[in-house]
Amino acid sequence: MTATPPPPLAAPFAVGFDLDMTLVDSRPGIRAAYRRLSAETGVPIDADLVVTRLGPPLEQELANWFPADRVEEAANRYRALYPAHAIEPSPALPGAHEAVAAVREAGGRVLVVTGKWEPNAKLHLAHLGLDADVLAGNVWAEGKALALRAEGARIYVGDHLGDVRGAKAAGALAVAVTTGPYGAAPLREAGADVVLRDLTEFPSWLRGQGPAGE
């Protein structure tokens, strides 16, 4: 059983954010990259279906379309195609910049902890002007806990059930947003401590977590 997390804003503190469908609407870019991969390989891929279930590792998704002995090759090619096809079309989600700014205004550090390949995640952040103190990529679900614990994260914000599990494994407060594949009910059932519609609600929520709000 996960221990009760410490007060979120106990100094020093850090807040972690997931990337895809939490900070960034990466669906347009991911759709474009998958379509390019399909065209190159001749393997039919339903890119519209793919973008409804973002979150798990790339190889897990590719296993739905490629035989096992081709998944690694397809993953490498997808990652190589990604910068040219997926970065520019993918906007920040509403409230993303303001959420990052709110953490800094409260004296906190910003972490981005994501399942995306780290070099491509870095391109998204740079393109959108989202400045993170720490970026940890290639981690999923409970695997995110190591990066969160290493940086002393008190809060982890994500859109996926796997993000809730990662926060819980790290002993952090699990804040979920409904901008990804899940609505409020399944996120709460998975153990989310807080569910927000999107990141536009995050700054006011965060302001209530300091000593005066405890």
N, C-alpha and C. Protein backbone atom coordinates (compact mmCIF):
# COMPACT_ATOMS: atom_id res chain seq x y z
N MET A 1 0.84 -1.19 0.00
CA MET A 1 0.00 0.00 0.00
C MET A 1 0.88 1.24 0.00
N THR A 2 0.58 2.22 -0.87
CA THR A 2 1.39 3.41 -0.98
C THR A 2 1.19 4.30 0.24
N ALA A 3 2.31 4.80 0.79
CA ALA A 3 2.21 5.69 1.93
C ALA A 3 1.56 7.00 1.52
N THR A 4 0.95 7.67 2.50
CA THR A 4 0.35 8.97 2.22
C THR A 4 1.43 9.93 1.79
N PRO A 5 1.27 10.60 0.62
CA PRO A 5 2.32 11.49 0.15
C PRO A 5 2.46 12.70 1.06
N PRO A 6 3.67 13.31 1.08
CA PRO A 6 3.87 14.50 1.89
C PRO A 6 3.10 15.67 1.31
N PRO A 7 2.93 16.75 2.08
CA PRO A 7 2.24 17.92 1.54
C PRO A 7 2.88 18.35 0.22
N PRO A 8 2.08 18.57 -0.84
CA PRO A 8 2.63 18.85 -2.16
C PRO A 8 3.62 19.99 -2.21
N LEU A 9 3.39 21.06 -1.47
CA LEU A 9 4.25 22.22 -1.59
C LEU A 9 5.25 22.35 -0.44
N ALA A 10 5.52 21.26 0.26
CA ALA A 10 6.57 21.31 1.26
C ALA A 10 7.90 21.58 0.56
N ALA A 11 8.56 22.66 0.92
CA ALA A 11 9.79 23.06 0.24
C ALA A 11 10.94 22.12 0.62
N PRO A 12 11.83 21.81 -0.34
CA PRO A 12 11.70 22.12 -1.76
C PRO A 12 10.74 21.12 -2.42
N PHE A 13 10.10 21.54 -3.48
CA PHE A 13 9.15 20.63 -4.10
C PHE A 13 9.33 20.66 -5.62
N ALA A 14 8.81 19.61 -6.25
CA ALA A 14 8.84 19.51 -7.71
C ALA A 14 7.51 18.93 -8.15
N VAL A 15 7.09 19.31 -9.34
CA VAL A 15 5.86 18.81 -9.95
C VAL A 15 6.22 18.15 -11.27
N GLY A 16 5.78 16.92 -11.45
CA GLY A 16 6.00 16.22 -12.71
C GLY A 16 4.77 16.28 -13.59
N PHE A 17 5.01 16.36 -14.89
CA PHE A 17 3.95 16.33 -15.88
C PHE A 17 4.25 15.25 -16.90
N ASP A 18 3.21 14.54 -17.31
CA ASP A 18 3.28 13.71 -18.50
C ASP A 18 3.32 14.64 -19.72
N LEU A 19 3.66 14.10 -20.89
CA LEU A 19 3.75 14.93 -22.09
C LEU A 19 2.53 14.76 -22.99
N ASP A 20 2.43 13.61 -23.67
CA ASP A 20 1.34 13.40 -24.64
C ASP A 20 -0.02 13.47 -23.97
N MET A 21 -0.87 14.35 -24.48
CA MET A 21 -2.25 14.53 -24.04
C MET A 21 -2.38 15.07 -22.62
N THR A 22 -1.27 15.50 -22.04
CA THR A 22 -1.29 16.24 -20.79
C THR A 22 -0.81 17.66 -21.05
N LEU A 23 0.43 17.78 -21.55
CA LEU A 23 0.95 19.09 -21.95
C LEU A 23 0.76 19.36 -23.44
N VAL A 24 0.82 18.33 -24.24
CA VAL A 24 0.84 18.48 -25.70
C VAL A 24 -0.25 17.64 -26.34
N ASP A 25 -0.98 18.24 -27.27
CA ASP A 25 -1.91 17.46 -28.10
C ASP A 25 -1.11 16.90 -29.26
N SER A 26 -0.52 15.76 -29.03
CA SER A 26 0.38 15.16 -30.02
C SER A 26 -0.35 14.31 -31.05
N ARG A 27 -1.68 14.27 -30.99
CA ARG A 27 -2.42 13.43 -31.92
C ARG A 27 -2.17 13.78 -33.39
N PRO A 28 -2.19 15.06 -33.78
CA PRO A 28 -1.96 15.35 -35.21
C PRO A 28 -0.60 14.87 -35.69
N GLY A 29 0.43 15.08 -34.88
CA GLY A 29 1.76 14.67 -35.28
C GLY A 29 1.95 13.17 -35.28
N ILE A 30 1.43 12.51 -34.26
CA ILE A 30 1.56 11.06 -34.20
C ILE A 30 0.80 10.41 -35.35
N ARG A 31 -0.38 10.94 -35.63
CA ARG A 31 -1.15 10.43 -36.77
C ARG A 31 -0.34 10.55 -38.06
N ALA A 32 0.28 11.69 -38.27
CA ALA A 32 1.08 11.91 -39.48
C ALA A 32 2.28 10.98 -39.54
N ALA A 33 2.93 10.77 -38.40
CA ALA A 33 4.10 9.89 -38.38
C ALA A 33 3.72 8.44 -38.67
N TYR A 34 2.60 8.00 -38.11
CA TYR A 34 2.15 6.63 -38.38
C TYR A 34 1.75 6.46 -39.84
N ARG A 35 1.12 7.46 -40.39
CA ARG A 35 0.74 7.35 -41.81
C ARG A 35 1.97 7.28 -42.70
N ARG A 36 3.00 8.02 -42.35
CA ARG A 36 4.24 7.96 -43.12
C ARG A 36 4.90 6.59 -42.97
N LEU A 37 4.91 6.07 -41.73
CA LEU A 37 5.48 4.74 -41.50
C LEU A 37 4.72 3.70 -42.30
N SER A 38 3.39 3.80 -42.32
CA SER A 38 2.58 2.85 -43.09
C SER A 38 2.89 2.92 -44.57
N ALA A 39 3.04 4.14 -45.08
CA ALA A 39 3.34 4.31 -46.50
C ALA A 39 4.70 3.73 -46.85
N GLU A 40 5.67 3.91 -45.99
CA GLU A 40 7.03 3.41 -46.25
C GLU A 40 7.10 1.89 -46.19
N THR A 41 6.42 1.31 -45.20
CA THR A 41 6.55 -0.13 -44.96
C THR A 41 5.54 -0.96 -45.72
N GLY A 42 4.46 -0.32 -46.19
CA GLY A 42 3.39 -1.06 -46.84
C GLY A 42 2.49 -1.80 -45.87
N VAL A 43 2.66 -1.54 -44.59
CA VAL A 43 1.84 -2.20 -43.56
C VAL A 43 0.65 -1.30 -43.23
N PRO A 44 -0.58 -1.78 -43.40
CA PRO A 44 -1.75 -0.95 -43.04
C PRO A 44 -1.77 -0.65 -41.55
N ILE A 45 -1.91 0.63 -41.21
CA ILE A 45 -2.02 1.07 -39.81
C ILE A 45 -3.18 2.04 -39.73
N ASP A 46 -4.09 1.81 -38.82
CA ASP A 46 -5.21 2.72 -38.60
C ASP A 46 -4.74 3.82 -37.65
N ALA A 47 -4.18 4.88 -38.23
CA ALA A 47 -3.61 5.95 -37.41
C ALA A 47 -4.66 6.66 -36.58
N ASP A 48 -5.89 6.72 -37.08
CA ASP A 48 -6.95 7.36 -36.30
C ASP A 48 -7.27 6.56 -35.04
N LEU A 49 -7.19 5.24 -35.13
CA LEU A 49 -7.38 4.40 -33.95
C LEU A 49 -6.21 4.55 -32.99
N VAL A 50 -5.01 4.58 -33.54
CA VAL A 50 -3.81 4.68 -32.71
C VAL A 50 -3.90 5.89 -31.77
N VAL A 51 -4.31 7.03 -32.30
CA VAL A 51 -4.27 8.25 -31.49
C VAL A 51 -5.38 8.32 -30.45
N THR A 52 -6.27 7.34 -30.42
CA THR A 52 -7.27 7.29 -29.36
C THR A 52 -6.76 6.57 -28.12
N ARG A 53 -5.59 5.96 -28.20
CA ARG A 53 -5.09 5.15 -27.08
C ARG A 53 -3.61 5.42 -26.80
N LEU A 54 -3.24 6.69 -26.85
CA LEU A 54 -1.85 7.07 -26.58
C LEU A 54 -1.53 6.88 -25.11
N GLY A 55 -0.29 6.56 -24.84
CA GLY A 55 0.16 6.38 -23.46
C GLY A 55 1.15 5.24 -23.33
N PRO A 56 0.73 3.99 -23.63
CA PRO A 56 1.65 2.86 -23.50
C PRO A 56 2.85 2.97 -24.43
N PRO A 57 3.89 2.17 -24.19
CA PRO A 57 5.10 2.24 -25.00
C PRO A 57 4.83 2.04 -26.49
N LEU A 58 5.64 2.68 -27.31
CA LEU A 58 5.51 2.60 -28.76
C LEU A 58 5.49 1.16 -29.25
N GLU A 59 6.39 0.34 -28.73
CA GLU A 59 6.49 -1.04 -29.20
C GLU A 59 5.19 -1.81 -28.95
N GLN A 60 4.51 -1.48 -27.88
CA GLN A 60 3.25 -2.15 -27.57
C GLN A 60 2.20 -1.84 -28.64
N GLU A 61 2.14 -0.60 -29.08
CA GLU A 61 1.21 -0.23 -30.15
C GLU A 61 1.62 -0.85 -31.47
N LEU A 62 2.90 -0.81 -31.79
CA LEU A 62 3.35 -1.35 -33.08
C LEU A 62 3.11 -2.85 -33.18
N ALA A 63 3.08 -3.54 -32.05
CA ALA A 63 2.82 -4.99 -32.06
C ALA A 63 1.42 -5.31 -32.56
N ASN A 64 0.53 -4.30 -32.59
CA ASN A 64 -0.80 -4.52 -33.16
C ASN A 64 -0.79 -4.54 -34.68
N TRP A 65 0.30 -4.07 -35.28
CA TRP A 65 0.34 -3.90 -36.74
C TRP A 65 1.48 -4.66 -37.41
N PHE A 66 2.55 -4.93 -36.67
CA PHE A 66 3.72 -5.59 -37.24
C PHE A 66 3.95 -6.93 -36.54
N PRO A 67 4.48 -7.92 -37.26
CA PRO A 67 4.87 -9.17 -36.59
C PRO A 67 6.00 -8.90 -35.60
N ALA A 68 6.12 -9.76 -34.62
CA ALA A 68 7.06 -9.54 -33.51
C ALA A 68 8.47 -9.27 -33.98
N ASP A 69 8.90 -9.97 -35.05
CA ASP A 69 10.28 -9.81 -35.49
C ASP A 69 10.52 -8.51 -36.27
N ARG A 70 9.46 -7.71 -36.46
CA ARG A 70 9.63 -6.43 -37.16
C ARG A 70 9.33 -5.22 -36.27
N VAL A 71 8.93 -5.47 -35.04
CA VAL A 71 8.53 -4.36 -34.17
C VAL A 71 9.70 -3.43 -33.88
N GLU A 72 10.85 -3.97 -33.54
CA GLU A 72 12.00 -3.12 -33.21
C GLU A 72 12.40 -2.26 -34.40
N GLU A 73 12.45 -2.87 -35.56
CA GLU A 73 12.79 -2.12 -36.78
C GLU A 73 11.77 -1.01 -37.04
N ALA A 74 10.49 -1.33 -36.88
CA ALA A 74 9.44 -0.33 -37.10
C ALA A 74 9.54 0.80 -36.08
N ALA A 75 9.86 0.46 -34.83
CA ALA A 75 9.99 1.49 -33.80
C ALA A 75 11.14 2.44 -34.12
N ASN A 76 12.25 1.88 -34.55
CA ASN A 76 13.39 2.73 -34.89
C ASN A 76 13.07 3.66 -36.05
N ARG A 77 12.35 3.13 -37.04
CA ARG A 77 12.02 3.97 -38.19
C ARG A 77 11.00 5.04 -37.81
N TYR A 78 10.02 4.67 -37.00
CA TYR A 78 9.03 5.65 -36.53
C TYR A 78 9.72 6.80 -35.80
N ARG A 79 10.63 6.47 -34.90
CA ARG A 79 11.32 7.51 -34.14
C ARG A 79 12.16 8.40 -35.05
N ALA A 80 12.71 7.82 -36.11
CA ALA A 80 13.48 8.62 -37.06
C ALA A 80 12.58 9.54 -37.88
N LEU A 81 11.39 9.08 -38.20
CA LEU A 81 10.45 9.89 -38.98
C LEU A 81 9.82 11.00 -38.14
N TYR A 82 9.76 10.79 -36.85
CA TYR A 82 8.98 11.64 -35.96
C TYR A 82 9.34 13.13 -36.05
N PRO A 83 10.61 13.51 -35.99
CA PRO A 83 10.91 14.95 -35.97
C PRO A 83 10.36 15.70 -37.18
N ALA A 84 10.41 15.11 -38.35
CA ALA A 84 9.97 15.81 -39.57
C ALA A 84 8.46 15.84 -39.71
N HIS A 85 7.75 14.94 -39.05
CA HIS A 85 6.31 14.81 -39.28
C HIS A 85 5.45 15.13 -38.07
N ALA A 86 5.99 15.05 -36.86
CA ALA A 86 5.13 15.09 -35.67
C ALA A 86 5.29 16.32 -34.78
N ILE A 87 6.37 17.04 -34.91
CA ILE A 87 6.60 18.14 -33.97
C ILE A 87 5.77 19.37 -34.32
N GLU A 88 5.91 19.85 -35.53
CA GLU A 88 5.24 21.09 -35.92
C GLU A 88 3.72 21.04 -35.82
N PRO A 89 3.06 19.90 -36.18
CA PRO A 89 1.59 19.89 -36.12
C PRO A 89 0.99 19.78 -34.73
N SER A 90 1.81 19.56 -33.71
CA SER A 90 1.28 19.22 -32.38
C SER A 90 1.30 20.44 -31.45
N PRO A 91 0.12 20.97 -31.11
CA PRO A 91 0.08 22.17 -30.27
C PRO A 91 0.11 21.83 -28.78
N ALA A 92 0.42 22.84 -27.99
CA ALA A 92 0.25 22.71 -26.54
C ALA A 92 -1.23 22.62 -26.23
N LEU A 93 -1.57 21.84 -25.22
CA LEU A 93 -2.95 21.76 -24.77
C LEU A 93 -3.31 23.01 -23.96
N PRO A 94 -4.60 23.35 -23.91
CA PRO A 94 -5.01 24.52 -23.14
C PRO A 94 -4.50 24.47 -21.70
N GLY A 95 -3.89 25.57 -21.28
CA GLY A 95 -3.41 25.67 -19.91
C GLY A 95 -2.01 25.14 -19.68
N ALA A 96 -1.37 24.56 -20.69
CA ALA A 96 -0.06 23.94 -20.47
C ALA A 96 0.98 24.96 -20.03
N HIS A 97 1.09 26.07 -20.75
CA HIS A 97 2.08 27.08 -20.39
C HIS A 97 1.77 27.67 -19.01
N GLU A 98 0.50 27.91 -18.75
CA GLU A 98 0.12 28.49 -17.48
C GLU A 98 0.39 27.53 -16.32
N ALA A 99 0.21 26.23 -16.55
CA ALA A 99 0.48 25.24 -15.50
C ALA A 99 1.96 25.22 -15.14
N VAL A 100 2.81 25.23 -16.16
CA VAL A 100 4.25 25.26 -15.91
C VAL A 100 4.63 26.54 -15.18
N ALA A 101 4.07 27.66 -15.63
CA ALA A 101 4.37 28.94 -14.98
C ALA A 101 3.91 28.95 -13.52
N ALA A 102 2.77 28.31 -13.24
CA ALA A 102 2.25 28.29 -11.87
C ALA A 102 3.20 27.55 -10.92
N VAL A 103 3.80 26.47 -11.41
CA VAL A 103 4.76 25.73 -10.58
C VAL A 103 5.95 26.62 -10.26
N ARG A 104 6.45 27.31 -11.27
CA ARG A 104 7.62 28.18 -11.05
C ARG A 104 7.29 29.34 -10.13
N GLU A 105 6.10 29.91 -10.30
CA GLU A 105 5.70 31.04 -9.46
C GLU A 105 5.58 30.62 -8.00
N ALA A 106 5.26 29.35 -7.77
CA ALA A 106 5.16 28.83 -6.41
C ALA A 106 6.51 28.40 -5.85
N GLY A 107 7.56 28.55 -6.65
CA GLY A 107 8.90 28.20 -6.20
C GLY A 107 9.28 26.76 -6.45
N GLY A 108 8.53 26.09 -7.31
CA GLY A 108 8.80 24.68 -7.58
C GLY A 108 9.61 24.44 -8.84
N ARG A 109 10.04 23.20 -9.00
CA ARG A 109 10.74 22.77 -10.19
C ARG A 109 9.79 21.96 -11.07
N VAL A 110 10.02 22.02 -12.37
CA VAL A 110 9.15 21.36 -13.34
C VAL A 110 9.86 20.16 -13.93
N LEU A 111 9.21 19.01 -13.83
CA LEU A 111 9.72 17.77 -14.42
C LEU A 111 8.76 17.35 -15.52
N VAL A 112 9.29 16.82 -16.60
CA VAL A 112 8.46 16.15 -17.61
C VAL A 112 8.92 14.71 -17.65
N VAL A 113 8.01 13.82 -17.32
CA VAL A 113 8.31 12.39 -17.22
C VAL A 113 7.35 11.68 -18.15
N THR A 114 7.88 11.08 -19.21
CA THR A 114 7.05 10.63 -20.33
C THR A 114 7.51 9.30 -20.89
N GLY A 115 6.58 8.60 -21.50
CA GLY A 115 6.92 7.37 -22.19
C GLY A 115 7.54 7.60 -23.55
N LYS A 116 7.49 8.83 -24.04
CA LYS A 116 8.03 9.13 -25.37
C LYS A 116 9.55 9.05 -25.36
N TRP A 117 10.10 8.65 -26.51
CA TRP A 117 11.55 8.64 -26.68
C TRP A 117 12.08 10.03 -26.36
N GLU A 118 13.06 10.10 -25.47
CA GLU A 118 13.47 11.38 -24.91
C GLU A 118 13.91 12.42 -25.93
N PRO A 119 14.69 12.09 -26.96
CA PRO A 119 15.06 13.12 -27.93
C PRO A 119 13.86 13.76 -28.62
N ASN A 120 12.82 12.97 -28.91
CA ASN A 120 11.63 13.55 -29.54
C ASN A 120 10.80 14.35 -28.55
N ALA A 121 10.76 13.91 -27.31
CA ALA A 121 10.08 14.70 -26.28
C ALA A 121 10.75 16.07 -26.14
N LYS A 122 12.06 16.08 -26.17
CA LYS A 122 12.80 17.35 -26.06
C LYS A 122 12.46 18.29 -27.20
N LEU A 123 12.27 17.74 -28.40
CA LEU A 123 11.89 18.58 -29.55
C LEU A 123 10.52 19.22 -29.33
N HIS A 124 9.57 18.46 -28.78
CA HIS A 124 8.25 19.04 -28.48
C HIS A 124 8.37 20.21 -27.51
N LEU A 125 9.11 20.02 -26.44
CA LEU A 125 9.24 21.07 -25.44
C LEU A 125 9.88 22.32 -26.02
N ALA A 126 10.93 22.12 -26.81
CA ALA A 126 11.61 23.27 -27.41
C ALA A 126 10.70 23.99 -28.40
N HIS A 127 9.99 23.24 -29.22
CA HIS A 127 9.11 23.83 -30.23
C HIS A 127 8.01 24.67 -29.58
N LEU A 128 7.50 24.21 -28.46
CA LEU A 128 6.37 24.88 -27.81
C LEU A 128 6.79 25.86 -26.72
N GLY A 129 8.09 25.94 -26.45
CA GLY A 129 8.56 26.85 -25.41
C GLY A 129 8.14 26.42 -24.02
N LEU A 130 8.08 25.12 -23.79
CA LEU A 130 7.76 24.59 -22.46
C LEU A 130 9.07 24.18 -21.79
N ASP A 131 9.47 24.94 -20.82
CA ASP A 131 10.79 24.77 -20.21
C ASP A 131 10.70 23.85 -18.99
N ALA A 132 11.40 22.75 -19.04
CA ALA A 132 11.43 21.80 -17.93
C ALA A 132 12.82 21.79 -17.30
N ASP A 133 12.85 21.68 -15.98
CA ASP A 133 14.14 21.54 -15.29
C ASP A 133 14.74 20.17 -15.53
N VAL A 134 13.87 19.17 -15.64
CA VAL A 134 14.31 17.78 -15.87
C VAL A 134 13.37 17.13 -16.86
N LEU A 135 13.93 16.42 -17.82
CA LEU A 135 13.15 15.60 -18.75
C LEU A 135 13.60 14.17 -18.62
N ALA A 136 12.64 13.28 -18.37
CA ALA A 136 12.92 11.85 -18.32
C ALA A 136 11.99 11.17 -19.32
N GLY A 137 12.56 10.51 -20.30
CA GLY A 137 11.77 9.83 -21.31
C GLY A 137 11.91 8.32 -21.25
N ASN A 138 11.14 7.65 -22.09
CA ASN A 138 11.20 6.19 -22.20
C ASN A 138 10.78 5.48 -20.92
N VAL A 139 9.86 6.09 -20.15
CA VAL A 139 9.39 5.44 -18.93
C VAL A 139 7.87 5.43 -18.94
N TRP A 140 7.31 4.36 -18.39
CA TRP A 140 5.87 4.14 -18.50
C TRP A 140 5.31 3.60 -17.19
N ALA A 141 4.13 4.09 -16.80
CA ALA A 141 3.39 3.59 -15.64
C ALA A 141 4.29 3.57 -14.40
N GLU A 142 4.37 2.43 -13.71
CA GLU A 142 5.18 2.37 -12.49
C GLU A 142 6.64 2.70 -12.75
N GLY A 143 7.09 2.53 -14.00
CA GLY A 143 8.46 2.88 -14.34
C GLY A 143 8.77 4.36 -14.20
N LYS A 144 7.72 5.19 -14.15
CA LYS A 144 7.94 6.62 -13.97
C LYS A 144 8.33 6.96 -12.53
N ALA A 145 8.06 6.07 -11.62
CA ALA A 145 8.28 6.35 -10.20
C ALA A 145 9.74 6.64 -9.88
N LEU A 146 10.67 5.95 -10.53
CA LEU A 146 12.08 6.16 -10.24
C LEU A 146 12.49 7.59 -10.52
N ALA A 147 12.08 8.11 -11.70
CA ALA A 147 12.42 9.49 -12.05
C ALA A 147 11.73 10.48 -11.11
N LEU A 148 10.49 10.21 -10.76
CA LEU A 148 9.76 11.11 -9.87
C LEU A 148 10.37 11.14 -8.47
N ARG A 149 10.72 9.97 -7.96
CA ARG A 149 11.34 9.92 -6.63
C ARG A 149 12.70 10.58 -6.63
N ALA A 150 13.46 10.37 -7.70
CA ALA A 150 14.82 10.93 -7.77
C ALA A 150 14.81 12.45 -7.69
N GLU A 151 13.74 13.05 -8.19
CA GLU A 151 13.65 14.52 -8.20
C GLU A 151 12.76 15.06 -7.09
N GLY A 152 12.30 14.19 -6.22
CA GLY A 152 11.48 14.64 -5.10
C GLY A 152 10.13 15.17 -5.49
N ALA A 153 9.52 14.60 -6.53
CA ALA A 153 8.22 15.09 -7.01
C ALA A 153 7.15 14.85 -5.95
N ARG A 154 6.40 15.89 -5.63
CA ARG A 154 5.28 15.78 -4.70
C ARG A 154 3.96 15.58 -5.43
N ILE A 155 3.95 15.95 -6.72
CA ILE A 155 2.74 15.88 -7.53
C ILE A 155 3.15 15.33 -8.90
N TYR A 156 2.32 14.46 -9.46
CA TYR A 156 2.51 14.05 -10.86
C TYR A 156 1.19 14.19 -11.57
N VAL A 157 1.23 14.89 -12.70
CA VAL A 157 0.03 15.21 -13.47
C VAL A 157 0.05 14.43 -14.77
N GLY A 158 -1.01 13.68 -15.04
CA GLY A 158 -1.07 12.91 -16.28
C GLY A 158 -2.51 12.64 -16.68
N ASP A 159 -2.66 12.03 -17.85
CA ASP A 159 -3.99 11.80 -18.41
C ASP A 159 -4.36 10.32 -18.47
N HIS A 160 -3.43 9.46 -18.18
CA HIS A 160 -3.62 8.02 -18.40
C HIS A 160 -3.68 7.27 -17.07
N LEU A 161 -4.34 6.12 -17.07
CA LEU A 161 -4.35 5.27 -15.88
C LEU A 161 -2.93 4.90 -15.47
N GLY A 162 -2.06 4.72 -16.45
CA GLY A 162 -0.65 4.43 -16.16
C GLY A 162 0.04 5.56 -15.44
N ASP A 163 -0.38 6.81 -15.71
CA ASP A 163 0.19 7.95 -15.01
C ASP A 163 -0.22 7.95 -13.55
N VAL A 164 -1.46 7.58 -13.29
CA VAL A 164 -1.93 7.48 -11.91
C VAL A 164 -1.13 6.42 -11.17
N ARG A 165 -0.91 5.30 -11.82
CA ARG A 165 -0.12 4.23 -11.19
C ARG A 165 1.31 4.69 -10.92
N GLY A 166 1.89 5.44 -11.86
CA GLY A 166 3.24 5.95 -11.67
C GLY A 166 3.33 6.90 -10.49
N ALA A 167 2.35 7.80 -10.38
CA ALA A 167 2.33 8.73 -9.26
C ALA A 167 2.23 7.98 -7.94
N LYS A 168 1.33 7.00 -7.87
CA LYS A 168 1.13 6.24 -6.65
C LYS A 168 2.40 5.48 -6.26
N ALA A 169 3.06 4.91 -7.26
CA ALA A 169 4.29 4.15 -6.98
C ALA A 169 5.40 5.06 -6.46
N ALA A 170 5.34 6.34 -6.83
CA ALA A 170 6.36 7.30 -6.39
C ALA A 170 6.00 7.96 -5.07
N GLY A 171 4.80 7.68 -4.54
CA GLY A 171 4.36 8.34 -3.32
C GLY A 171 4.00 9.79 -3.55
N ALA A 172 3.64 10.13 -4.80
CA ALA A 172 3.27 11.50 -5.15
C ALA A 172 1.75 11.62 -5.25
N LEU A 173 1.26 12.84 -5.14
CA LEU A 173 -0.15 13.09 -5.34
C LEU A 173 -0.47 12.89 -6.82
N ALA A 174 -1.46 12.07 -7.11
CA ALA A 174 -1.84 11.77 -8.49
C ALA A 174 -2.91 12.74 -8.95
N VAL A 175 -2.52 13.66 -9.84
CA VAL A 175 -3.46 14.63 -10.41
C VAL A 175 -3.72 14.21 -11.85
N ALA A 176 -4.97 13.96 -12.18
CA ALA A 176 -5.33 13.50 -13.52
C ALA A 176 -6.10 14.57 -14.27
N VAL A 177 -5.87 14.64 -15.56
CA VAL A 177 -6.64 15.52 -16.44
C VAL A 177 -7.38 14.65 -17.46
N THR A 178 -8.53 15.12 -17.90
CA THR A 178 -9.38 14.31 -18.78
C THR A 178 -9.16 14.64 -20.26
N THR A 179 -7.97 15.11 -20.59
CA THR A 179 -7.66 15.45 -21.98
C THR A 179 -7.16 14.26 -22.78
N GLY A 180 -6.95 13.12 -22.12
CA GLY A 180 -6.49 11.93 -22.80
C GLY A 180 -7.62 10.94 -23.05
N PRO A 181 -7.32 9.65 -23.01
CA PRO A 181 -8.32 8.65 -23.40
C PRO A 181 -9.35 8.32 -22.32
N TYR A 182 -9.21 8.88 -21.11
CA TYR A 182 -10.09 8.49 -20.01
C TYR A 182 -10.85 9.68 -19.44
N GLY A 183 -12.10 9.42 -19.05
CA GLY A 183 -12.90 10.41 -18.36
C GLY A 183 -12.62 10.39 -16.87
N ALA A 184 -13.35 11.23 -16.14
CA ALA A 184 -13.10 11.39 -14.72
C ALA A 184 -13.33 10.09 -13.93
N ALA A 185 -14.39 9.35 -14.24
CA ALA A 185 -14.73 8.17 -13.44
C ALA A 185 -13.63 7.11 -13.44
N PRO A 186 -13.13 6.67 -14.62
CA PRO A 186 -12.07 5.67 -14.57
C PRO A 186 -10.77 6.17 -13.95
N LEU A 187 -10.49 7.47 -14.09
CA LEU A 187 -9.29 8.01 -13.46
C LEU A 187 -9.41 7.96 -11.94
N ARG A 188 -10.59 8.30 -11.43
CA ARG A 188 -10.81 8.21 -9.98
C ARG A 188 -10.74 6.77 -9.52
N GLU A 189 -11.35 5.87 -10.29
CA GLU A 189 -11.34 4.45 -9.92
C GLU A 189 -9.92 3.90 -9.89
N ALA A 190 -9.05 4.45 -10.74
CA ALA A 190 -7.65 4.01 -10.76
C ALA A 190 -6.85 4.56 -9.59
N GLY A 191 -7.44 5.51 -8.85
CA GLY A 191 -6.77 6.03 -7.66
C GLY A 191 -6.33 7.47 -7.74
N ALA A 192 -6.75 8.21 -8.78
CA ALA A 192 -6.37 9.61 -8.86
C ALA A 192 -6.86 10.36 -7.62
N ASP A 193 -5.98 11.16 -7.04
CA ASP A 193 -6.35 11.95 -5.87
C ASP A 193 -7.17 13.17 -6.27
N VAL A 194 -6.88 13.71 -7.45
CA VAL A 194 -7.55 14.90 -7.96
C VAL A 194 -7.79 14.68 -9.44
N VAL A 195 -8.95 15.06 -9.94
CA VAL A 195 -9.24 15.00 -11.37
C VAL A 195 -9.65 16.40 -11.82
N LEU A 196 -8.93 16.91 -12.81
CA LEU A 196 -9.21 18.21 -13.40
C LEU A 196 -9.67 18.02 -14.83
N ARG A 197 -10.50 18.93 -15.29
CA ARG A 197 -10.95 18.86 -16.69
C ARG A 197 -9.75 18.96 -17.63
N ASP A 198 -8.89 19.94 -17.39
CA ASP A 198 -7.67 20.12 -18.19
C ASP A 198 -6.74 21.01 -17.39
N LEU A 199 -5.61 21.38 -17.98
CA LEU A 199 -4.61 22.14 -17.23
C LEU A 199 -5.01 23.59 -16.97
N THR A 200 -6.08 24.06 -17.59
CA THR A 200 -6.53 25.41 -17.27
C THR A 200 -6.97 25.50 -15.80
N GLU A 201 -7.35 24.37 -15.22
CA GLU A 201 -7.78 24.35 -13.82
C GLU A 201 -6.62 24.15 -12.85
N PHE A 202 -5.44 23.85 -13.39
CA PHE A 202 -4.32 23.49 -12.52
C PHE A 202 -3.78 24.65 -11.69
N PRO A 203 -3.55 25.85 -12.25
CA PRO A 203 -2.95 26.91 -11.42
C PRO A 203 -3.76 27.24 -10.17
N SER A 204 -5.08 27.36 -10.31
CA SER A 204 -5.87 27.69 -9.12
C SER A 204 -5.87 26.54 -8.13
N TRP A 205 -5.89 25.29 -8.64
CA TRP A 205 -5.80 24.15 -7.73
C TRP A 205 -4.47 24.17 -6.99
N LEU A 206 -3.38 24.42 -7.72
CA LEU A 206 -2.05 24.40 -7.09
C LEU A 206 -1.94 25.48 -6.01
N ARG A 207 -2.50 26.64 -6.27
CA ARG A 207 -2.42 27.71 -5.28
C ARG A 207 -3.08 27.31 -3.97
N GLY A 208 -4.04 26.42 -4.02
CA GLY A 208 -4.71 25.95 -2.82
C GLY A 208 -3.97 24.88 -2.05
N GLN A 209 -2.80 24.45 -2.58
CA GLN A 209 -2.07 23.36 -1.95
C GLN A 209 -0.96 23.82 -1.03
N GLY A 210 -0.69 25.14 -0.97
CA GLY A 210 0.36 25.65 -0.11
C GLY A 210 -0.05 25.62 1.35
N PRO A 211 0.81 26.12 2.22
CA PRO A 211 0.52 26.08 3.65
C PRO A 211 -0.83 26.67 4.02
N ALA A 212 -1.23 27.74 3.30
CA ALA A 212 -2.50 28.37 3.63
C ALA A 212 -3.68 27.51 3.22
N GLY A 213 -3.43 26.61 2.24
CA GLY A 213 -4.53 25.80 1.73
C GLY A 213 -4.60 24.43 2.34
N GLU A 214 -3.64 24.10 3.21
CA GLU A 214 -3.61 22.75 3.76
C GLU A 214 -4.55 22.61 4.95
